[in-house]
Amino acid sequence: MTKKEIDLICLHGTNGEVTPIRLRLKDEDGQYQAYTIKEYRDLSHHGTKLMSDGVYVTDKTLIFECKIIVFGREKRIRLYSNEPYLSWIMTS
């Protein structure tokens, strides 16, 4: 699994719900690439465990399983952030 730090745009609803909208990351050439999140599933708040991609999470970790389109192909990724939710990582 690949882990990368990313920039993430989220919608923060009045009910406290977080919705991932768009992500940006540097490619191997150091250029920023941006992707719109087409679908997502919230996997947050399901206890403390080691995820299948090697990321250790707690009840306070935000976890989103997302679908993005890269070069015309669907790609499934996971996004993670821990309190205070200021930085995000992506696994693919």
PDB file of N, CA and C in Angstrom:
ATOM      1  N   MET A   1       0.828  -1.187   0.000  1.00  0.00           N
ATOM      2  CA  MET A   1       0.000   0.000   0.000  1.00  0.00           C
ATOM      3  C   MET A   1       0.874   1.253   0.000  1.00  0.00           C
ATOM      4  N   THR A   2       0.433   2.240  -0.736  1.00  0.00           N
ATOM      5  CA  THR A   2       1.105   3.528  -0.797  1.00  0.00           C
ATOM      6  C   THR A   2       0.408   4.506   0.134  1.00  0.00           C
ATOM      7  N   LYS A   3       1.190   5.218   0.959  1.00  0.00           N
ATOM      8  CA  LYS A   3       0.650   6.256   1.833  1.00  0.00           C
ATOM      9  C   LYS A   3       1.219   7.593   1.383  1.00  0.00           C
ATOM     10  N   LYS A   4       0.330   8.586   1.185  1.00  0.00           N
ATOM     11  CA  LYS A   4       0.755   9.913   0.772  1.00  0.00           C
ATOM     12  C   LYS A   4       0.007  10.965   1.570  1.00  0.00           C
ATOM     13  N   GLU A   5       0.718  12.041   1.923  1.00  0.00           N
ATOM     14  CA  GLU A   5       0.052  13.194   2.515  1.00  0.00           C
ATOM     15  C   GLU A   5      -0.661  13.938   1.400  1.00  0.00           C
ATOM     16  N   ILE A   6      -1.876  14.416   1.694  1.00  0.00           N
ATOM     17  CA  ILE A   6      -2.671  15.106   0.681  1.00  0.00           C
ATOM     18  C   ILE A   6      -3.282  16.372   1.262  1.00  0.00           C
ATOM     19  N   ASP A   7      -3.737  17.237   0.355  1.00  0.00           N
ATOM     20  CA  ASP A   7      -4.596  18.360   0.699  1.00  0.00           C
ATOM     21  C   ASP A   7      -6.017  17.895   0.416  1.00  0.00           C
ATOM     22  N   LEU A   8      -6.962  18.239   1.291  1.00  0.00           N
ATOM     23  CA  LEU A   8      -8.335  17.784   1.118  1.00  0.00           C
ATOM     24  C   LEU A   8      -9.309  18.925   1.376  1.00  0.00           C
ATOM     25  N   ILE A   9     -10.257  19.095   0.457  1.00  0.00           N
ATOM     26  CA  ILE A   9     -11.356  20.032   0.651  1.00  0.00           C
ATOM     27  C   ILE A   9     -12.538  19.225   1.155  1.00  0.00           C
ATOM     28  N   CYS A  10     -13.109  19.655   2.287  1.00  0.00           N
ATOM     29  CA  CYS A  10     -14.255  18.970   2.896  1.00  0.00           C
ATOM     30  C   CYS A  10     -15.380  19.964   3.129  1.00  0.00           C
ATOM     31  N   LEU A  11     -16.591  19.445   3.131  1.00  0.00           N
ATOM     32  CA  LEU A  11     -17.764  20.197   3.556  1.00  0.00           C
ATOM     33  C   LEU A  11     -18.029  19.824   5.004  1.00  0.00           C
ATOM     34  N   HIS A  12     -18.148  20.813   5.861  1.00  0.00           N
ATOM     35  CA  HIS A  12     -18.452  20.581   7.273  1.00  0.00           C
ATOM     36  C   HIS A  12     -19.890  21.023   7.509  1.00  0.00           C
ATOM     37  N   GLY A  13     -20.793  20.052   7.680  1.00  0.00           N
ATOM     38  CA  GLY A  13     -22.203  20.340   7.854  1.00  0.00           C
ATOM     39  C   GLY A  13     -22.530  20.880   9.232  1.00  0.00           C
ATOM     40  N   THR A  14     -23.699  21.495   9.353  1.00  0.00           N
ATOM     41  CA  THR A  14     -24.137  22.058  10.629  1.00  0.00           C
ATOM     42  C   THR A  14     -24.348  20.980  11.680  1.00  0.00           C
ATOM     43  N   ASN A  15     -24.535  19.729  11.241  1.00  0.00           N
ATOM     44  CA  ASN A  15     -24.719  18.610  12.173  1.00  0.00           C
ATOM     45  C   ASN A  15     -23.398  17.965  12.572  1.00  0.00           C
ATOM     46  N   GLY A  16     -22.262  18.534  12.132  1.00  0.00           N
ATOM     47  CA  GLY A  16     -20.948  18.004  12.466  1.00  0.00           C
ATOM     48  C   GLY A  16     -20.433  16.976  11.476  1.00  0.00           C
ATOM     49  N   GLU A  17     -21.235  16.616  10.494  1.00  0.00           N
ATOM     50  CA  GLU A  17     -20.823  15.631   9.491  1.00  0.00           C
ATOM     51  C   GLU A  17     -19.791  16.238   8.549  1.00  0.00           C
ATOM     52  N   VAL A  18     -18.763  15.446   8.218  1.00  0.00           N
ATOM     53  CA  VAL A  18     -17.706  15.857   7.297  1.00  0.00           C
ATOM     54  C   VAL A  18     -17.887  15.089   5.990  1.00  0.00           C
ATOM     55  N   THR A  19     -17.872  15.817   4.860  1.00  0.00           N
ATOM     56  CA  THR A  19     -18.011  15.207   3.543  1.00  0.00           C
ATOM     57  C   THR A  19     -16.782  15.556   2.707  1.00  0.00           C
ATOM     58  N   PRO A  20     -15.981  14.569   2.269  1.00  0.00           N
ATOM     59  CA  PRO A  20     -14.819  14.864   1.415  1.00  0.00           C
ATOM     60  C   PRO A  20     -15.291  15.248   0.007  1.00  0.00           C
ATOM     61  N   ILE A  21     -14.707  16.307  -0.545  1.00  0.00           N
ATOM     62  CA  ILE A  21     -15.131  16.831  -1.850  1.00  0.00           C
ATOM     63  C   ILE A  21     -14.051  16.648  -2.919  1.00  0.00           C
ATOM     64  N   ARG A  22     -12.837  17.101  -2.610  1.00  0.00           N
ATOM     65  CA  ARG A  22     -11.766  17.126  -3.621  1.00  0.00           C
ATOM     66  C   ARG A  22     -10.427  16.974  -2.919  1.00  0.00           C
ATOM     67  N   LEU A  23      -9.483  16.267  -3.559  1.00  0.00           N
ATOM     68  CA  LEU A  23      -8.152  16.108  -2.985  1.00  0.00           C
ATOM     69  C   LEU A  23      -7.098  16.549  -3.973  1.00  0.00           C
ATOM     70  N   ARG A  24      -5.931  16.881  -3.415  1.00  0.00           N
ATOM     71  CA  ARG A  24      -4.796  17.300  -4.231  1.00  0.00           C
ATOM     72  C   ARG A  24      -3.545  16.681  -3.642  1.00  0.00           C
ATOM     73  N   LEU A  25      -2.678  16.160  -4.537  1.00  0.00           N
ATOM     74  CA  LEU A  25      -1.420  15.574  -4.099  1.00  0.00           C
ATOM     75  C   LEU A  25      -0.349  15.806  -5.141  1.00  0.00           C
ATOM     76  N   LYS A  26       0.908  15.676  -4.706  1.00  0.00           N
ATOM     77  CA  LYS A  26       2.022  15.817  -5.643  1.00  0.00           C
ATOM     78  C   LYS A  26       2.301  14.483  -6.294  1.00  0.00           C
ATOM     79  N   ASP A  27       2.518  14.500  -7.610  1.00  0.00           N
ATOM     80  CA  ASP A  27       2.887  13.277  -8.317  1.00  0.00           C
ATOM     81  C   ASP A  27       4.389  13.059  -8.229  1.00  0.00           C
ATOM     82  N   GLU A  28       4.884  12.028  -8.898  1.00  0.00           N
ATOM     83  CA  GLU A  28       6.308  11.686  -8.810  1.00  0.00           C
ATOM     84  C   GLU A  28       7.221  12.760  -9.409  1.00  0.00           C
ATOM     85  N   ASP A  29       6.649  13.675 -10.235  1.00  0.00           N
ATOM     86  CA  ASP A  29       7.418  14.773 -10.806  1.00  0.00           C
ATOM     87  C   ASP A  29       7.335  16.043  -9.967  1.00  0.00           C
ATOM     88  N   GLY A  30       6.645  15.971  -8.828  1.00  0.00           N
ATOM     89  CA  GLY A  30       6.500  17.129  -7.960  1.00  0.00           C
ATOM     90  C   GLY A  30       5.391  18.076  -8.373  1.00  0.00           C
ATOM     91  N   GLN A  31       4.588  17.685  -9.367  1.00  0.00           N
ATOM     92  CA  GLN A  31       3.470  18.510  -9.834  1.00  0.00           C
ATOM     93  C   GLN A  31       2.207  18.143  -9.061  1.00  0.00           C
ATOM     94  N   TYR A  32       1.386  19.146  -8.735  1.00  0.00           N
ATOM     95  CA  TYR A  32       0.130  18.885  -8.054  1.00  0.00           C
ATOM     96  C   TYR A  32      -0.904  18.334  -9.021  1.00  0.00           C
ATOM     97  N   GLN A  33      -1.609  17.297  -8.582  1.00  0.00           N
ATOM     98  CA  GLN A  33      -2.720  16.712  -9.327  1.00  0.00           C
ATOM     99  C   GLN A  33      -3.946  16.792  -8.427  1.00  0.00           C
ATOM    100  N   ALA A  34      -5.090  17.181  -8.979  1.00  0.00           N
ATOM    101  CA  ALA A  34      -6.314  17.318  -8.197  1.00  0.00           C
ATOM    102  C   ALA A  34      -7.367  16.343  -8.722  1.00  0.00           C
ATOM    103  N   TYR A  35      -8.142  15.778  -7.803  1.00  0.00           N
ATOM    104  CA  TYR A  35      -9.164  14.787  -8.143  1.00  0.00           C
ATOM    105  C   TYR A  35     -10.441  15.074  -7.366  1.00  0.00           C
ATOM    106  N   THR A  36     -11.555  14.997  -8.057  1.00  0.00           N
ATOM    107  CA  THR A  36     -12.858  15.126  -7.416  1.00  0.00           C
ATOM    108  C   THR A  36     -13.289  13.766  -6.890  1.00  0.00           C
ATOM    109  N   ILE A  37     -13.809  13.748  -5.690  1.00  0.00           N
ATOM    110  CA  ILE A  37     -14.281  12.499  -5.100  1.00  0.00           C
ATOM    111  C   ILE A  37     -15.673  12.223  -5.643  1.00  0.00           C
ATOM    112  N   LYS A  38     -15.823  11.105  -6.347  1.00  0.00           N
ATOM    113  CA  LYS A  38     -17.079  10.746  -7.009  1.00  0.00           C
ATOM    114  C   LYS A  38     -18.050  10.057  -6.058  1.00  0.00           C
ATOM    115  N   GLU A  39     -17.544   9.220  -5.175  1.00  0.00           N
ATOM    116  CA  GLU A  39     -18.350   8.509  -4.185  1.00  0.00           C
ATOM    117  C   GLU A  39     -17.509   8.355  -2.934  1.00  0.00           C
ATOM    118  N   TYR A  40     -18.170   8.218  -1.788  1.00  0.00           N
ATOM    119  CA  TYR A  40     -17.437   7.947  -0.555  1.00  0.00           C
ATOM    120  C   TYR A  40     -18.321   7.175   0.407  1.00  0.00           C
ATOM    121  N   ARG A  41     -17.641   6.491   1.312  1.00  0.00           N
ATOM    122  CA  ARG A  41     -18.307   5.770   2.395  1.00  0.00           C
ATOM    123  C   ARG A  41     -17.551   6.112   3.678  1.00  0.00           C
ATOM    124  N   ASP A  42     -18.293   6.532   4.702  1.00  0.00           N
ATOM    125  CA  ASP A  42     -17.693   6.912   5.980  1.00  0.00           C
ATOM    126  C   ASP A  42     -17.486   5.653   6.823  1.00  0.00           C
ATOM    127  N   LEU A  43     -16.229   5.351   7.145  1.00  0.00           N
ATOM    128  CA  LEU A  43     -15.890   4.182   7.971  1.00  0.00           C
ATOM    129  C   LEU A  43     -15.424   4.588   9.363  1.00  0.00           C
ATOM    130  N   SER A  44     -15.670   5.827   9.748  1.00  0.00           N
ATOM    131  CA  SER A  44     -15.203   6.372  11.021  1.00  0.00           C
ATOM    132  C   SER A  44     -15.961   5.780  12.205  1.00  0.00           C
ATOM    133  N   HIS A  45     -15.338   5.884  13.379  1.00  0.00           N
ATOM    134  CA  HIS A  45     -15.958   5.584  14.668  1.00  0.00           C
ATOM    135  C   HIS A  45     -16.385   4.118  14.822  1.00  0.00           C
ATOM    136  N   HIS A  46     -15.547   3.218  14.367  1.00  0.00           N
ATOM    137  CA  HIS A  46     -15.824   1.785  14.506  1.00  0.00           C
ATOM    138  C   HIS A  46     -14.812   1.098  15.402  1.00  0.00           C
ATOM    139  N   GLY A  47     -14.183   1.862  16.285  1.00  0.00           N
ATOM    140  CA  GLY A  47     -13.261   1.278  17.248  1.00  0.00           C
ATOM    141  C   GLY A  47     -11.807   1.390  16.859  1.00  0.00           C
ATOM    142  N   THR A  48     -10.961   0.905  17.753  1.00  0.00           N
ATOM    143  CA  THR A  48      -9.514   0.919  17.564  1.00  0.00           C
ATOM    144  C   THR A  48      -9.100  -0.372  16.880  1.00  0.00           C
ATOM    145  N   LYS A  49      -8.344  -0.241  15.766  1.00  0.00           N
ATOM    146  CA  LYS A  49      -7.920  -1.433  15.023  1.00  0.00           C
ATOM    147  C   LYS A  49      -6.846  -1.077  14.014  1.00  0.00           C
ATOM    148  N   LEU A  50      -6.245  -2.096  13.456  1.00  0.00           N
ATOM    149  CA  LEU A  50      -5.292  -1.952  12.358  1.00  0.00           C
ATOM    150  C   LEU A  50      -6.050  -2.239  11.072  1.00  0.00           C
ATOM    151  N   MET A  51      -6.096  -1.264  10.188  1.00  0.00           N
ATOM    152  CA  MET A  51      -6.822  -1.425   8.926  1.00  0.00           C
ATOM    153  C   MET A  51      -6.032  -2.340   7.982  1.00  0.00           C
ATOM    154  N   SER A  52      -6.702  -2.845   6.971  1.00  0.00           N
ATOM    155  CA  SER A  52      -6.076  -3.774   6.025  1.00  0.00           C
ATOM    156  C   SER A  52      -4.910  -3.143   5.259  1.00  0.00           C
ATOM    157  N   ASP A  53      -4.872  -1.804   5.180  1.00  0.00           N
ATOM    158  CA  ASP A  53      -3.771  -1.128   4.492  1.00  0.00           C
ATOM    159  C   ASP A  53      -2.662  -0.688   5.442  1.00  0.00           C
ATOM    160  N   GLY A  54      -2.700  -1.195   6.697  1.00  0.00           N
ATOM    161  CA  GLY A  54      -1.618  -0.964   7.643  1.00  0.00           C
ATOM    162  C   GLY A  54      -1.717   0.296   8.464  1.00  0.00           C
ATOM    163  N   VAL A  55      -2.837   1.006   8.404  1.00  0.00           N
ATOM    164  CA  VAL A  55      -3.022   2.233   9.174  1.00  0.00           C
ATOM    165  C   VAL A  55      -3.742   1.888  10.472  1.00  0.00           C
ATOM    166  N   TYR A  56      -3.170   2.319  11.601  1.00  0.00           N
ATOM    167  CA  TYR A  56      -3.772   2.111  12.916  1.00  0.00           C
ATOM    168  C   TYR A  56      -4.753   3.246  13.177  1.00  0.00           C
ATOM    169  N   VAL A  57      -6.008   2.908  13.513  1.00  0.00           N
ATOM    170  CA  VAL A  57      -7.042   3.910  13.726  1.00  0.00           C
ATOM    171  C   VAL A  57      -7.667   3.755  15.114  1.00  0.00           C
ATOM    172  N   THR A  58      -8.291   4.842  15.574  1.00  0.00           N
ATOM    173  CA  THR A  58      -9.036   4.834  16.830  1.00  0.00           C
ATOM    174  C   THR A  58     -10.458   5.322  16.546  1.00  0.00           C
ATOM    175  N   ASP A  59     -11.254   5.397  17.604  1.00  0.00           N
ATOM    176  CA  ASP A  59     -12.618   5.916  17.475  1.00  0.00           C
ATOM    177  C   ASP A  59     -12.642   7.378  17.032  1.00  0.00           C
ATOM    178  N   LYS A  60     -11.523   8.083  17.183  1.00  0.00           N
ATOM    179  CA  LYS A  60     -11.465   9.504  16.835  1.00  0.00           C
ATOM    180  C   LYS A  60     -10.865   9.751  15.460  1.00  0.00           C
ATOM    181  N   THR A  61     -10.524   8.692  14.732  1.00  0.00           N
ATOM    182  CA  THR A  61      -9.973   8.824  13.391  1.00  0.00           C
ATOM    183  C   THR A  61     -11.107   8.959  12.387  1.00  0.00           C
ATOM    184  N   LEU A  62     -11.010   9.963  11.501  1.00  0.00           N
ATOM    185  CA  LEU A  62     -11.943  10.054  10.385  1.00  0.00           C
ATOM    186  C   LEU A  62     -11.405   9.178   9.265  1.00  0.00           C
ATOM    187  N   ILE A  63     -12.255   8.317   8.716  1.00  0.00           N
ATOM    188  CA  ILE A  63     -11.855   7.382   7.663  1.00  0.00           C
ATOM    189  C   ILE A  63     -12.906   7.432   6.559  1.00  0.00           C
ATOM    190  N   PHE A  64     -12.456   7.672   5.343  1.00  0.00           N
ATOM    191  CA  PHE A  64     -13.353   7.659   4.197  1.00  0.00           C
ATOM    192  C   PHE A  64     -12.797   6.737   3.126  1.00  0.00           C
ATOM    193  N   GLU A  65     -13.623   5.835   2.635  1.00  0.00           N
ATOM    194  CA  GLU A  65     -13.282   5.014   1.474  1.00  0.00           C
ATOM    195  C   GLU A  65     -13.927   5.718   0.285  1.00  0.00           C
ATOM    196  N   CYS A  66     -13.113   6.084  -0.708  1.00  0.00           N
ATOM    197  CA  CYS A  66     -13.572   6.950  -1.791  1.00  0.00           C
ATOM    198  C   CYS A  66     -13.278   6.364  -3.165  1.00  0.00           C
ATOM    199  N   LYS A  67     -14.013   6.897  -4.141  1.00  0.00           N
ATOM    200  CA  LYS A  67     -13.759   6.569  -5.541  1.00  0.00           C
ATOM    201  C   LYS A  67     -13.373   7.856  -6.253  1.00  0.00           C
ATOM    202  N   ILE A  68     -12.237   7.811  -6.964  1.00  0.00           N
ATOM    203  CA  ILE A  68     -11.811   8.917  -7.812  1.00  0.00           C
ATOM    204  C   ILE A  68     -11.552   8.354  -9.206  1.00  0.00           C
ATOM    205  N   ILE A  69     -11.467   9.238 -10.183  1.00  0.00           N
ATOM    206  CA  ILE A  69     -11.146   8.835 -11.558  1.00  0.00           C
ATOM    207  C   ILE A  69      -9.752   9.348 -11.889  1.00  0.00           C
ATOM    208  N   VAL A  70      -8.841   8.430 -12.247  1.00  0.00           N
ATOM    209  CA  VAL A  70      -7.460   8.762 -12.595  1.00  0.00           C
ATOM    210  C   VAL A  70      -7.206   8.261 -14.016  1.00  0.00           C
ATOM    211  N   PHE A  71      -6.913   9.178 -14.927  1.00  0.00           N
ATOM    212  CA  PHE A  71      -6.686   8.842 -16.338  1.00  0.00           C
ATOM    213  C   PHE A  71      -7.814   7.984 -16.896  1.00  0.00           C
ATOM    214  N   GLY A  72      -9.058   8.359 -16.576  1.00  0.00           N
ATOM    215  CA  GLY A  72     -10.228   7.674 -17.102  1.00  0.00           C
ATOM    216  C   GLY A  72     -10.568   6.350 -16.434  1.00  0.00           C
ATOM    217  N   ARG A  73      -9.824   5.979 -15.408  1.00  0.00           N
ATOM    218  CA  ARG A  73     -10.073   4.707 -14.712  1.00  0.00           C
ATOM    219  C   ARG A  73     -10.462   4.950 -13.266  1.00  0.00           C
ATOM    220  N   GLU A  74     -11.408   4.147 -12.781  1.00  0.00           N
ATOM    221  CA  GLU A  74     -11.850   4.239 -11.399  1.00  0.00           C
ATOM    222  C   GLU A  74     -10.774   3.718 -10.459  1.00  0.00           C
ATOM    223  N   LYS A  75     -10.544   4.463  -9.395  1.00  0.00           N
ATOM    224  CA  LYS A  75      -9.563   4.046  -8.395  1.00  0.00           C
ATOM    225  C   LYS A  75     -10.188   4.198  -7.014  1.00  0.00           C
ATOM    226  N   ARG A  76     -10.024   3.185  -6.174  1.00  0.00           N
ATOM    227  CA  ARG A  76     -10.521   3.214  -4.794  1.00  0.00           C
ATOM    228  C   ARG A  76      -9.370   3.609  -3.871  1.00  0.00           C
ATOM    229  N   ILE A  77      -9.642   4.539  -2.986  1.00  0.00           N
ATOM    230  CA  ILE A  77      -8.641   5.030  -2.044  1.00  0.00           C
ATOM    231  C   ILE A  77      -9.270   5.122  -0.656  1.00  0.00           C
ATOM    232  N   ARG A  78      -8.423   5.285   0.351  1.00  0.00           N
ATOM    233  CA  ARG A  78      -8.893   5.585   1.708  1.00  0.00           C
ATOM    234  C   ARG A  78      -8.223   6.861   2.174  1.00  0.00           C
ATOM    235  N   LEU A  79      -8.992   7.684   2.883  1.00  0.00           N
ATOM    236  CA  LEU A  79      -8.493   8.931   3.461  1.00  0.00           C
ATOM    237  C   LEU A  79      -8.593   8.836   4.972  1.00  0.00           C
ATOM    238  N   TYR A  80      -7.541   9.287   5.664  1.00  0.00           N
ATOM    239  CA  TYR A  80      -7.477   9.210   7.127  1.00  0.00           C
ATOM    240  C   TYR A  80      -7.059  10.555   7.709  1.00  0.00           C
ATOM    241  N   SER A  81      -7.651  10.886   8.856  1.00  0.00           N
ATOM    242  CA  SER A  81      -7.215  12.054   9.620  1.00  0.00           C
ATOM    243  C   SER A  81      -7.511  11.823  11.096  1.00  0.00           C
ATOM    244  N   ASN A  82      -6.575  12.226  11.946  1.00  0.00           N
ATOM    245  CA  ASN A  82      -6.750  12.150  13.402  1.00  0.00           C
ATOM    246  C   ASN A  82      -6.941  13.553  13.963  1.00  0.00           C
ATOM    247  N   GLU A  83      -7.539  13.617  15.157  1.00  0.00           N
ATOM    248  CA  GLU A  83      -7.733  14.920  15.795  1.00  0.00           C
ATOM    249  C   GLU A  83      -6.420  15.663  15.855  1.00  0.00           C
ATOM    250  N   PRO A  84      -6.387  16.920  15.610  1.00  0.00           N
ATOM    251  CA  PRO A  84      -7.473  17.869  15.393  1.00  0.00           C
ATOM    252  C   PRO A  84      -7.910  17.981  13.933  1.00  0.00           C
ATOM    253  N   TYR A  85      -7.664  16.969  13.115  1.00  0.00           N
ATOM    254  CA  TYR A  85      -8.129  16.881  11.725  1.00  0.00           C
ATOM    255  C   TYR A  85      -7.542  17.984  10.835  1.00  0.00           C
ATOM    256  N   LEU A  86      -6.267  18.278  11.039  1.00  0.00           N
ATOM    257  CA  LEU A  86      -5.596  19.305  10.255  1.00  0.00           C
ATOM    258  C   LEU A  86      -4.778  18.732   9.111  1.00  0.00           C
ATOM    259  N   SER A  87      -4.473  17.436   9.145  1.00  0.00           N
ATOM    260  CA  SER A  87      -3.721  16.814   8.062  1.00  0.00           C
ATOM    261  C   SER A  87      -4.383  15.495   7.689  1.00  0.00           C
ATOM    262  N   TRP A  88      -4.199  15.114   6.436  1.00  0.00           N
ATOM    263  CA  TRP A  88      -4.825  13.902   5.884  1.00  0.00           C
ATOM    264  C   TRP A  88      -3.770  13.056   5.190  1.00  0.00           C
ATOM    265  N   ILE A  89      -3.969  11.728   5.219  1.00  0.00           N
ATOM    266  CA  ILE A  89      -3.164  10.827   4.399  1.00  0.00           C
ATOM    267  C   ILE A  89      -4.102  10.010   3.538  1.00  0.00           C
ATOM    268  N   MET A  90      -3.594   9.576   2.403  1.00  0.00           N
ATOM    269  CA  MET A  90      -4.324   8.746   1.464  1.00  0.00           C
ATOM    270  C   MET A  90      -3.579   7.448   1.293  1.00  0.00           C
ATOM    271  N   THR A  91      -4.311   6.328   1.255  1.00  0.00           N
ATOM    272  CA  THR A  91      -3.709   5.045   0.900  1.00  0.00           C
ATOM    273  C   THR A  91      -4.398   4.545  -0.356  1.00  0.00           C
ATOM    274  N   SER A  92      -3.623   3.859  -1.179  1.00  0.00           N
ATOM    275  CA  SER A  92      -4.190   3.321  -2.422  1.00  0.00           C
ATOM    276  C   SER A  92      -3.550   1.990  -2.737  1.00  0.00           C
TER     277      SER A  92
END
